[in-house]
Amino acid sequence: MKKINTMLLILALLTLPIPSVAGQFTVTKVYDGDTIKAQGHDIILYVLLAGIDAPEIAFRKQQQGQPYARKAKRYLEKLILNKMVDIKGYGLGPYPYNHLIGEISVNGKTINMAMIKKGLAEVCHERPPDGLNIAPYREAEREAMAAKRGMWSLGDTYISPRQWRSMHKAKHDLR
C-alpha cells in the first residue's frame, strides 16, 4: 500500500509545474554523498540530490570506493540525518532506480550546494533537470577546485564519480 501511495505522490508531483515542491520530510537514511531516504506524509521517498555527483562508495564490501566517498556520506549525515528537510522535486531519475531528483534544504541552506562547496561532490555531468539553475553550482565547484577542498585536493589523481562507475562496471561485466 505504501508503494502505491509513493507512486501516486510521485505521479502527482510530476503533474505540477517544474520545479515542484514535494514538501517537508525527515531524512531517515543517507546512502552516500548524493542519495537519501526521507519519510513524511505516510510515504517514503528515495531522493537523488539534483545537480551533483558525489564520490562512489564501493559496490561490494571487498572493494574499495573512491577517495572522499565516506567523508561525503558522513558530512551529508551531519547536515541532514534525522532532520526535517524541504525537498524541491525535479522529476524522476532513470530506470532502474526511479529516485526523485531533488534539491534539499534545511533552514534555507541548500544542501546540494553545501556538498559542492565542501569539495565532497562535483556538478553532475548529465543534463540538469528542467528548472534547476546549475550556474551557481558550477561557480561553487570552481571555487572549491581553486581552494583544493575535499576531493579537489587529489589534483591529477582525481577521477570523477562518472568515470569511476564506468571503470568498475566494466570490471563487473568481465566476471
N, C-alpha and C. Protein backbone atom coordinates (compact mmCIF):
# COMPACT_ATOMS: atom_id res chain seq x y z
N MET A 1 0.82 -1.20 0.00
CA MET A 1 0.00 0.00 0.00
C MET A 1 0.87 1.27 0.00
N LYS A 2 1.97 1.22 0.80
CA LYS A 2 2.86 2.39 0.83
C LYS A 2 3.52 2.63 -0.51
N LYS A 3 3.83 1.53 -1.24
CA LYS A 3 4.44 1.69 -2.57
C LYS A 3 3.45 2.38 -3.51
N ILE A 4 2.19 2.02 -3.40
CA ILE A 4 1.17 2.65 -4.25
C ILE A 4 1.05 4.13 -3.89
N ASN A 5 1.03 4.43 -2.58
CA ASN A 5 0.96 5.82 -2.15
C ASN A 5 2.17 6.62 -2.63
N THR A 6 3.34 6.01 -2.54
CA THR A 6 4.55 6.68 -3.01
C THR A 6 4.46 6.98 -4.49
N MET A 7 4.06 5.99 -5.26
CA MET A 7 3.95 6.19 -6.71
C MET A 7 2.90 7.24 -7.04
N LEU A 8 1.78 7.24 -6.31
CA LEU A 8 0.75 8.25 -6.56
C LEU A 8 1.28 9.65 -6.25
N LEU A 9 2.04 9.79 -5.14
CA LEU A 9 2.61 11.09 -4.81
C LEU A 9 3.59 11.53 -5.90
N ILE A 10 4.44 10.63 -6.32
CA ILE A 10 5.42 10.97 -7.35
C ILE A 10 4.72 11.34 -8.65
N LEU A 11 3.70 10.59 -9.02
CA LEU A 11 2.95 10.93 -10.24
C LEU A 11 2.28 12.30 -10.09
N ALA A 12 1.75 12.58 -8.91
CA ALA A 12 1.13 13.88 -8.67
C ALA A 12 2.17 14.99 -8.77
N LEU A 13 3.37 14.74 -8.21
CA LEU A 13 4.43 15.74 -8.28
C LEU A 13 4.83 16.04 -9.72
N LEU A 14 4.82 14.99 -10.54
CA LEU A 14 5.23 15.17 -11.93
C LEU A 14 4.23 15.98 -12.74
N THR A 15 2.99 16.06 -12.27
CA THR A 15 1.99 16.85 -12.99
C THR A 15 2.05 18.33 -12.59
N LEU A 16 2.77 18.64 -11.51
CA LEU A 16 2.90 20.02 -11.07
C LEU A 16 3.96 20.74 -11.90
N PRO A 17 3.90 22.05 -11.94
CA PRO A 17 4.94 22.79 -12.67
C PRO A 17 6.32 22.49 -12.09
N ILE A 18 7.31 22.43 -12.96
CA ILE A 18 8.68 22.18 -12.53
C ILE A 18 9.30 23.51 -12.15
N PRO A 19 10.03 23.70 -11.06
CA PRO A 19 10.20 22.70 -10.03
C PRO A 19 8.98 22.63 -9.13
N SER A 20 8.63 21.44 -8.70
CA SER A 20 7.50 21.26 -7.81
C SER A 20 8.02 21.03 -6.40
N VAL A 21 7.31 21.48 -5.44
CA VAL A 21 7.73 21.32 -4.06
C VAL A 21 7.11 20.05 -3.51
N ALA A 22 7.96 19.13 -3.11
CA ALA A 22 7.48 17.87 -2.54
C ALA A 22 7.07 18.07 -1.09
N GLY A 23 7.66 19.05 -0.43
CA GLY A 23 7.28 19.33 0.95
C GLY A 23 8.37 18.99 1.94
N GLN A 24 7.95 18.90 3.20
CA GLN A 24 8.89 18.63 4.28
C GLN A 24 8.88 17.15 4.64
N PHE A 25 10.09 16.62 4.80
CA PHE A 25 10.27 15.22 5.14
C PHE A 25 11.40 15.10 6.15
N THR A 26 11.42 14.00 6.89
CA THR A 26 12.52 13.70 7.79
C THR A 26 13.46 12.72 7.10
N VAL A 27 14.73 13.04 7.07
CA VAL A 27 15.72 12.15 6.45
C VAL A 27 16.01 11.01 7.42
N THR A 28 15.76 9.78 6.96
CA THR A 28 15.93 8.61 7.82
C THR A 28 17.17 7.79 7.47
N LYS A 29 17.73 8.01 6.29
CA LYS A 29 18.94 7.27 5.90
C LYS A 29 19.70 8.07 4.85
N VAL A 30 21.02 8.02 4.97
CA VAL A 30 21.91 8.59 3.96
C VAL A 30 22.69 7.42 3.39
N TYR A 31 22.51 7.15 2.11
CA TYR A 31 23.17 6.01 1.47
C TYR A 31 24.60 6.33 1.06
N ASP A 32 24.79 7.54 0.56
CA ASP A 32 26.11 8.00 0.13
C ASP A 32 26.06 9.52 0.06
N GLY A 33 26.98 10.15 -0.63
CA GLY A 33 27.04 11.60 -0.65
C GLY A 33 26.01 12.31 -1.50
N ASP A 34 25.16 11.54 -2.20
CA ASP A 34 24.13 12.19 -3.02
C ASP A 34 22.81 11.43 -3.09
N THR A 35 22.60 10.47 -2.19
CA THR A 35 21.36 9.69 -2.20
C THR A 35 20.85 9.50 -0.78
N ILE A 36 19.55 9.80 -0.58
CA ILE A 36 18.97 9.71 0.75
C ILE A 36 17.60 9.03 0.71
N LYS A 37 17.14 8.69 1.90
CA LYS A 37 15.78 8.19 2.09
C LYS A 37 15.12 9.15 3.07
N ALA A 38 13.90 9.58 2.75
CA ALA A 38 13.18 10.51 3.60
C ALA A 38 11.75 10.03 3.78
N GLN A 39 11.19 10.33 4.95
CA GLN A 39 9.82 9.92 5.25
C GLN A 39 9.00 11.12 5.69
N GLY A 40 7.73 11.05 5.37
CA GLY A 40 6.78 12.07 5.78
C GLY A 40 5.48 11.88 5.02
N HIS A 41 4.41 12.39 5.59
CA HIS A 41 3.10 12.31 4.93
C HIS A 41 2.73 10.85 4.62
N ASP A 42 3.14 9.91 5.49
CA ASP A 42 2.87 8.48 5.34
C ASP A 42 3.48 7.86 4.09
N ILE A 43 4.55 8.44 3.60
CA ILE A 43 5.24 7.85 2.44
C ILE A 43 6.74 7.87 2.66
N ILE A 44 7.43 7.10 1.85
CA ILE A 44 8.89 7.05 1.85
C ILE A 44 9.37 7.52 0.48
N LEU A 45 10.33 8.42 0.47
CA LEU A 45 10.93 8.89 -0.78
C LEU A 45 12.40 8.53 -0.81
N TYR A 46 12.87 8.09 -1.96
CA TYR A 46 14.29 7.90 -2.21
C TYR A 46 14.69 9.05 -3.13
N VAL A 47 15.65 9.84 -2.68
CA VAL A 47 15.98 11.08 -3.38
C VAL A 47 17.45 11.09 -3.80
N LEU A 48 17.66 11.42 -5.06
CA LEU A 48 19.00 11.66 -5.60
C LEU A 48 19.16 13.18 -5.64
N LEU A 49 20.19 13.70 -4.98
CA LEU A 49 20.37 15.15 -4.92
C LEU A 49 20.64 15.71 -6.32
N ALA A 50 19.81 16.62 -6.73
CA ALA A 50 19.84 17.18 -8.09
C ALA A 50 21.12 17.97 -8.34
N GLY A 51 21.68 17.77 -9.53
CA GLY A 51 22.79 18.60 -9.99
C GLY A 51 24.15 18.25 -9.45
N ILE A 52 24.24 17.23 -8.57
CA ILE A 52 25.55 16.89 -8.01
C ILE A 52 25.86 15.41 -8.20
N ASP A 53 27.13 15.08 -8.11
CA ASP A 53 27.60 13.70 -8.19
C ASP A 53 28.73 13.56 -7.17
N ALA A 54 28.49 12.75 -6.14
CA ALA A 54 29.47 12.56 -5.07
C ALA A 54 30.34 11.33 -5.33
N PRO A 55 31.53 11.28 -4.73
CA PRO A 55 32.38 10.10 -4.89
C PRO A 55 31.63 8.82 -4.50
N GLU A 56 31.95 7.76 -5.20
CA GLU A 56 31.22 6.49 -5.05
C GLU A 56 31.78 5.62 -3.93
N ILE A 57 30.87 5.09 -3.13
CA ILE A 57 31.20 4.07 -2.15
C ILE A 57 31.27 2.76 -2.91
N ALA A 58 32.09 1.82 -2.47
CA ALA A 58 32.28 0.55 -3.18
C ALA A 58 30.96 -0.17 -3.41
N PHE A 59 30.86 -0.82 -4.58
CA PHE A 59 29.67 -1.61 -4.91
C PHE A 59 29.58 -2.85 -4.03
N ARG A 60 30.74 -3.43 -3.73
CA ARG A 60 30.81 -4.64 -2.91
C ARG A 60 31.75 -4.39 -1.74
N LYS A 61 31.51 -5.10 -0.64
CA LYS A 61 32.31 -4.88 0.57
C LYS A 61 33.80 -5.14 0.37
N GLN A 62 34.15 -6.10 -0.46
CA GLN A 62 35.57 -6.42 -0.65
C GLN A 62 36.28 -5.40 -1.55
N GLN A 63 35.54 -4.50 -2.14
CA GLN A 63 36.14 -3.46 -2.99
C GLN A 63 36.34 -2.18 -2.19
N GLN A 64 37.18 -1.33 -2.73
CA GLN A 64 37.39 -0.03 -2.12
C GLN A 64 36.68 1.01 -2.96
N GLY A 65 36.00 1.93 -2.31
CA GLY A 65 35.34 3.01 -3.02
C GLY A 65 36.31 4.12 -3.36
N GLN A 66 35.76 5.22 -3.83
CA GLN A 66 36.58 6.37 -4.19
C GLN A 66 37.06 7.12 -2.95
N PRO A 67 38.20 7.80 -3.09
CA PRO A 67 38.61 8.69 -2.01
C PRO A 67 37.51 9.73 -1.77
N TYR A 68 37.29 10.06 -0.55
CA TYR A 68 36.31 11.05 -0.10
C TYR A 68 34.86 10.55 -0.14
N ALA A 69 34.61 9.32 -0.55
CA ALA A 69 33.24 8.80 -0.58
C ALA A 69 32.66 8.73 0.83
N ARG A 70 33.39 8.16 1.76
CA ARG A 70 32.91 8.03 3.15
C ARG A 70 32.79 9.41 3.81
N LYS A 71 33.74 10.29 3.53
CA LYS A 71 33.67 11.64 4.09
C LYS A 71 32.43 12.37 3.58
N ALA A 72 32.12 12.20 2.30
CA ALA A 72 30.92 12.83 1.73
C ALA A 72 29.67 12.30 2.42
N LYS A 73 29.61 11.00 2.62
CA LYS A 73 28.45 10.40 3.29
C LYS A 73 28.33 10.94 4.72
N ARG A 74 29.43 10.95 5.46
CA ARG A 74 29.39 11.42 6.85
C ARG A 74 29.00 12.90 6.94
N TYR A 75 29.50 13.70 6.02
CA TYR A 75 29.16 15.13 6.03
C TYR A 75 27.67 15.33 5.73
N LEU A 76 27.17 14.58 4.76
CA LEU A 76 25.74 14.68 4.45
C LEU A 76 24.90 14.22 5.64
N GLU A 77 25.33 13.16 6.32
CA GLU A 77 24.62 12.70 7.53
C GLU A 77 24.61 13.81 8.58
N LYS A 78 25.75 14.45 8.77
CA LYS A 78 25.85 15.54 9.75
C LYS A 78 24.87 16.67 9.42
N LEU A 79 24.72 16.96 8.15
CA LEU A 79 23.86 18.06 7.73
C LEU A 79 22.37 17.75 7.83
N ILE A 80 21.98 16.48 7.52
CA ILE A 80 20.54 16.25 7.37
C ILE A 80 19.95 15.01 8.04
N LEU A 81 20.76 14.06 8.50
CA LEU A 81 20.19 12.83 9.05
C LEU A 81 19.33 13.12 10.28
N ASN A 82 18.13 12.55 10.29
CA ASN A 82 17.14 12.71 11.35
C ASN A 82 16.65 14.15 11.49
N LYS A 83 16.81 14.94 10.44
CA LYS A 83 16.33 16.32 10.46
C LYS A 83 15.19 16.49 9.47
N MET A 84 14.37 17.49 9.75
CA MET A 84 13.29 17.87 8.84
C MET A 84 13.90 18.71 7.72
N VAL A 85 13.66 18.30 6.48
CA VAL A 85 14.21 19.00 5.32
C VAL A 85 13.08 19.37 4.37
N ASP A 86 13.35 20.37 3.56
CA ASP A 86 12.45 20.71 2.46
C ASP A 86 13.01 20.05 1.21
N ILE A 87 12.14 19.42 0.44
CA ILE A 87 12.56 18.78 -0.81
C ILE A 87 11.83 19.44 -1.96
N LYS A 88 12.60 19.96 -2.90
CA LYS A 88 12.04 20.52 -4.13
C LYS A 88 12.30 19.49 -5.22
N GLY A 89 11.23 18.90 -5.74
CA GLY A 89 11.36 17.83 -6.72
C GLY A 89 11.48 18.34 -8.14
N TYR A 90 12.30 17.61 -8.93
CA TYR A 90 12.52 17.95 -10.34
C TYR A 90 12.22 16.76 -11.25
N GLY A 91 11.40 15.85 -10.81
CA GLY A 91 11.07 14.68 -11.62
C GLY A 91 11.78 13.44 -11.12
N LEU A 92 11.69 12.38 -11.91
CA LEU A 92 12.28 11.10 -11.54
C LEU A 92 13.57 10.84 -12.29
N GLY A 93 14.48 10.13 -11.60
CA GLY A 93 15.73 9.72 -12.21
C GLY A 93 15.51 8.53 -13.13
N PRO A 94 16.58 8.07 -13.77
CA PRO A 94 16.45 6.99 -14.75
C PRO A 94 16.17 5.63 -14.10
N TYR A 95 15.61 4.75 -14.89
CA TYR A 95 15.41 3.36 -14.52
C TYR A 95 16.78 2.75 -14.26
N PRO A 96 17.01 1.86 -13.37
CA PRO A 96 16.04 1.10 -12.60
C PRO A 96 15.69 1.71 -11.25
N TYR A 97 16.34 2.81 -10.86
CA TYR A 97 16.13 3.32 -9.52
C TYR A 97 14.90 4.21 -9.39
N ASN A 98 14.65 5.04 -10.38
CA ASN A 98 13.50 5.94 -10.38
C ASN A 98 13.41 6.81 -9.12
N HIS A 99 14.55 7.22 -8.58
CA HIS A 99 14.56 8.10 -7.42
C HIS A 99 14.02 9.47 -7.82
N LEU A 100 13.43 10.15 -6.87
CA LEU A 100 13.05 11.54 -7.08
C LEU A 100 14.35 12.34 -7.18
N ILE A 101 14.45 13.19 -8.18
CA ILE A 101 15.59 14.10 -8.30
C ILE A 101 15.21 15.34 -7.52
N GLY A 102 15.98 15.69 -6.49
CA GLY A 102 15.55 16.77 -5.63
C GLY A 102 16.65 17.66 -5.10
N GLU A 103 16.24 18.87 -4.80
CA GLU A 103 17.11 19.83 -4.14
C GLU A 103 16.67 19.86 -2.67
N ILE A 104 17.61 19.63 -1.78
CA ILE A 104 17.32 19.51 -0.36
C ILE A 104 17.77 20.79 0.34
N SER A 105 16.92 21.29 1.23
CA SER A 105 17.34 22.45 2.01
C SER A 105 16.90 22.30 3.46
N VAL A 106 17.71 22.87 4.34
CA VAL A 106 17.44 22.90 5.77
C VAL A 106 17.60 24.35 6.22
N ASN A 107 16.55 24.89 6.80
CA ASN A 107 16.58 26.29 7.27
C ASN A 107 17.10 27.24 6.19
N GLY A 108 16.69 27.04 4.96
CA GLY A 108 17.06 27.91 3.86
C GLY A 108 18.42 27.62 3.24
N LYS A 109 19.19 26.67 3.80
CA LYS A 109 20.51 26.32 3.27
C LYS A 109 20.35 25.15 2.29
N THR A 110 20.80 25.35 1.05
CA THR A 110 20.71 24.30 0.04
C THR A 110 21.84 23.30 0.27
N ILE A 111 21.46 22.07 0.58
CA ILE A 111 22.42 21.03 0.92
C ILE A 111 23.22 20.59 -0.30
N ASN A 112 22.58 20.52 -1.45
CA ASN A 112 23.29 20.16 -2.69
C ASN A 112 24.49 21.10 -2.88
N MET A 113 24.25 22.38 -2.71
CA MET A 113 25.30 23.39 -2.85
C MET A 113 26.37 23.22 -1.78
N ALA A 114 25.97 22.91 -0.56
CA ALA A 114 26.93 22.73 0.54
C ALA A 114 27.90 21.60 0.24
N MET A 115 27.41 20.54 -0.40
CA MET A 115 28.28 19.40 -0.74
C MET A 115 29.34 19.82 -1.77
N ILE A 116 28.93 20.65 -2.73
CA ILE A 116 29.88 21.12 -3.75
C ILE A 116 30.90 22.07 -3.12
N LYS A 117 30.43 23.01 -2.30
CA LYS A 117 31.33 23.98 -1.68
C LYS A 117 32.39 23.31 -0.81
N LYS A 118 32.03 22.21 -0.18
CA LYS A 118 32.95 21.49 0.71
C LYS A 118 33.94 20.62 -0.07
N GLY A 119 33.72 20.49 -1.39
CA GLY A 119 34.59 19.65 -2.20
C GLY A 119 34.26 18.18 -2.05
N LEU A 120 33.02 17.87 -1.70
CA LEU A 120 32.60 16.49 -1.49
C LEU A 120 31.61 16.02 -2.55
N ALA A 121 31.43 16.84 -3.57
CA ALA A 121 30.61 16.48 -4.73
C ALA A 121 31.01 17.40 -5.87
N GLU A 122 30.83 16.92 -7.08
CA GLU A 122 31.06 17.75 -8.26
C GLU A 122 29.72 18.02 -8.92
N VAL A 123 29.70 18.97 -9.82
CA VAL A 123 28.49 19.22 -10.60
C VAL A 123 28.30 18.01 -11.51
N CYS A 124 27.10 17.50 -11.53
CA CYS A 124 26.79 16.32 -12.34
C CYS A 124 27.01 16.62 -13.82
N HIS A 125 27.62 15.67 -14.53
CA HIS A 125 27.91 15.85 -15.96
C HIS A 125 26.68 15.62 -16.84
N GLU A 126 25.64 15.03 -16.29
CA GLU A 126 24.42 14.81 -17.05
C GLU A 126 23.71 16.15 -17.24
N ARG A 127 22.78 16.17 -18.18
CA ARG A 127 21.96 17.37 -18.39
C ARG A 127 21.16 17.64 -17.11
N PRO A 128 21.20 18.86 -16.59
CA PRO A 128 20.45 19.14 -15.36
C PRO A 128 18.95 19.07 -15.61
N PRO A 129 18.19 18.74 -14.57
CA PRO A 129 16.74 18.70 -14.75
C PRO A 129 16.19 20.08 -15.10
N ASP A 130 15.13 20.09 -15.87
CA ASP A 130 14.48 21.36 -16.22
C ASP A 130 14.10 22.10 -14.94
N GLY A 131 14.43 23.38 -14.92
CA GLY A 131 14.08 24.23 -13.79
C GLY A 131 15.18 24.39 -12.76
N LEU A 132 16.21 23.55 -12.81
CA LEU A 132 17.32 23.67 -11.86
C LEU A 132 18.37 24.59 -12.46
N ASN A 133 18.66 25.68 -11.75
CA ASN A 133 19.70 26.62 -12.19
C ASN A 133 21.05 26.08 -11.76
N ILE A 134 21.80 25.54 -12.68
CA ILE A 134 23.07 24.88 -12.39
C ILE A 134 24.25 25.86 -12.30
N ALA A 135 24.07 27.09 -12.79
CA ALA A 135 25.17 28.07 -12.82
C ALA A 135 25.79 28.32 -11.44
N PRO A 136 25.00 28.51 -10.37
CA PRO A 136 25.63 28.71 -9.06
C PRO A 136 26.42 27.48 -8.59
N TYR A 137 25.98 26.30 -8.98
CA TYR A 137 26.69 25.07 -8.64
C TYR A 137 28.06 25.06 -9.33
N ARG A 138 28.07 25.45 -10.60
CA ARG A 138 29.34 25.47 -11.35
C ARG A 138 30.33 26.47 -10.74
N GLU A 139 29.82 27.63 -10.32
CA GLU A 139 30.68 28.64 -9.70
C GLU A 139 31.24 28.12 -8.37
N ALA A 140 30.40 27.48 -7.57
CA ALA A 140 30.86 26.91 -6.30
C ALA A 140 31.90 25.82 -6.53
N GLU A 141 31.72 25.04 -7.59
CA GLU A 141 32.68 23.99 -7.93
C GLU A 141 34.04 24.61 -8.31
N ARG A 142 34.01 25.67 -9.11
CA ARG A 142 35.27 26.35 -9.49
C ARG A 142 36.00 26.85 -8.24
N GLU A 143 35.25 27.41 -7.30
CA GLU A 143 35.86 27.92 -6.07
C GLU A 143 36.45 26.79 -5.23
N ALA A 144 35.73 25.68 -5.11
CA ALA A 144 36.22 24.52 -4.34
C ALA A 144 37.47 23.93 -4.99
N MET A 145 37.48 23.88 -6.32
CA MET A 145 38.65 23.36 -7.05
C MET A 145 39.86 24.27 -6.82
N ALA A 146 39.65 25.58 -6.94
CA ALA A 146 40.75 26.54 -6.77
C ALA A 146 41.33 26.47 -5.35
N ALA A 147 40.46 26.23 -4.37
CA ALA A 147 40.90 26.14 -2.97
C ALA A 147 41.38 24.74 -2.61
N LYS A 148 41.26 23.80 -3.55
CA LYS A 148 41.67 22.40 -3.34
C LYS A 148 40.97 21.78 -2.13
N ARG A 149 39.66 22.05 -2.02
CA ARG A 149 38.87 21.49 -0.93
C ARG A 149 38.46 20.05 -1.24
N GLY A 150 38.44 19.23 -0.22
CA GLY A 150 37.95 17.86 -0.35
C GLY A 150 38.62 17.09 -1.47
N MET A 151 37.80 16.51 -2.32
CA MET A 151 38.32 15.65 -3.39
C MET A 151 39.19 16.41 -4.39
N TRP A 152 39.05 17.72 -4.43
CA TRP A 152 39.87 18.51 -5.36
C TRP A 152 41.32 18.59 -4.90
N SER A 153 41.59 18.19 -3.66
CA SER A 153 42.98 18.15 -3.18
C SER A 153 43.76 17.00 -3.83
N LEU A 154 43.07 16.09 -4.49
CA LEU A 154 43.73 14.95 -5.14
C LEU A 154 44.46 15.35 -6.41
N GLY A 155 44.18 16.53 -6.92
CA GLY A 155 44.85 17.01 -8.13
C GLY A 155 44.65 16.10 -9.32
N ASP A 156 45.74 15.75 -9.99
CA ASP A 156 45.67 14.95 -11.22
C ASP A 156 45.22 13.51 -10.98
N THR A 157 45.24 13.05 -9.74
CA THR A 157 44.82 11.67 -9.47
C THR A 157 43.30 11.57 -9.29
N TYR A 158 42.62 12.72 -9.28
CA TYR A 158 41.16 12.71 -9.12
C TYR A 158 40.49 12.03 -10.31
N ILE A 159 39.52 11.18 -10.01
CA ILE A 159 38.70 10.52 -11.03
C ILE A 159 37.25 10.87 -10.70
N SER A 160 36.51 11.34 -11.67
CA SER A 160 35.12 11.73 -11.42
C SER A 160 34.29 10.49 -11.07
N PRO A 161 33.22 10.66 -10.30
CA PRO A 161 32.36 9.52 -9.98
C PRO A 161 31.82 8.83 -11.24
N ARG A 162 31.53 9.61 -12.25
CA ARG A 162 31.03 9.04 -13.51
C ARG A 162 32.07 8.10 -14.13
N GLN A 163 33.33 8.54 -14.19
CA GLN A 163 34.41 7.70 -14.73
C GLN A 163 34.61 6.46 -13.86
N TRP A 164 34.57 6.65 -12.55
CA TRP A 164 34.78 5.54 -11.62
C TRP A 164 33.71 4.47 -11.82
N ARG A 165 32.44 4.90 -11.93
CA ARG A 165 31.34 3.93 -12.15
C ARG A 165 31.56 3.18 -13.44
N SER A 166 31.97 3.89 -14.48
CA SER A 166 32.20 3.27 -15.78
C SER A 166 33.32 2.24 -15.70
N MET A 167 34.41 2.57 -15.04
CA MET A 167 35.54 1.65 -14.91
C MET A 167 35.15 0.41 -14.10
N HIS A 168 34.40 0.60 -13.03
CA HIS A 168 34.05 -0.53 -12.19
C HIS A 168 32.92 -1.37 -12.77
N LYS A 169 32.06 -0.75 -13.54
CA LYS A 169 31.02 -1.52 -14.23
C LYS A 169 31.67 -2.46 -15.23
N ALA A 170 32.67 -1.96 -15.93
CA ALA A 170 33.39 -2.79 -16.91
C ALA A 170 34.04 -3.99 -16.22
N LYS A 171 34.59 -3.80 -15.02
CA LYS A 171 35.19 -4.91 -14.29
C LYS A 171 34.14 -5.94 -13.90
N HIS A 172 32.95 -5.47 -13.50
CA HIS A 172 31.87 -6.40 -13.14
C HIS A 172 31.42 -7.20 -14.35
N ASP A 173 31.40 -6.57 -15.51
CA ASP A 173 30.94 -7.23 -16.73
C ASP A 173 31.90 -8.34 -17.17
N LEU A 174 33.17 -8.25 -16.77
CA LEU A 174 34.16 -9.25 -17.17
C LEU A 174 34.09 -10.52 -16.33
N ARG A 175 33.41 -10.49 -15.22
CA ARG A 175 33.35 -11.66 -14.34
C ARG A 175 32.35 -12.68 -14.81
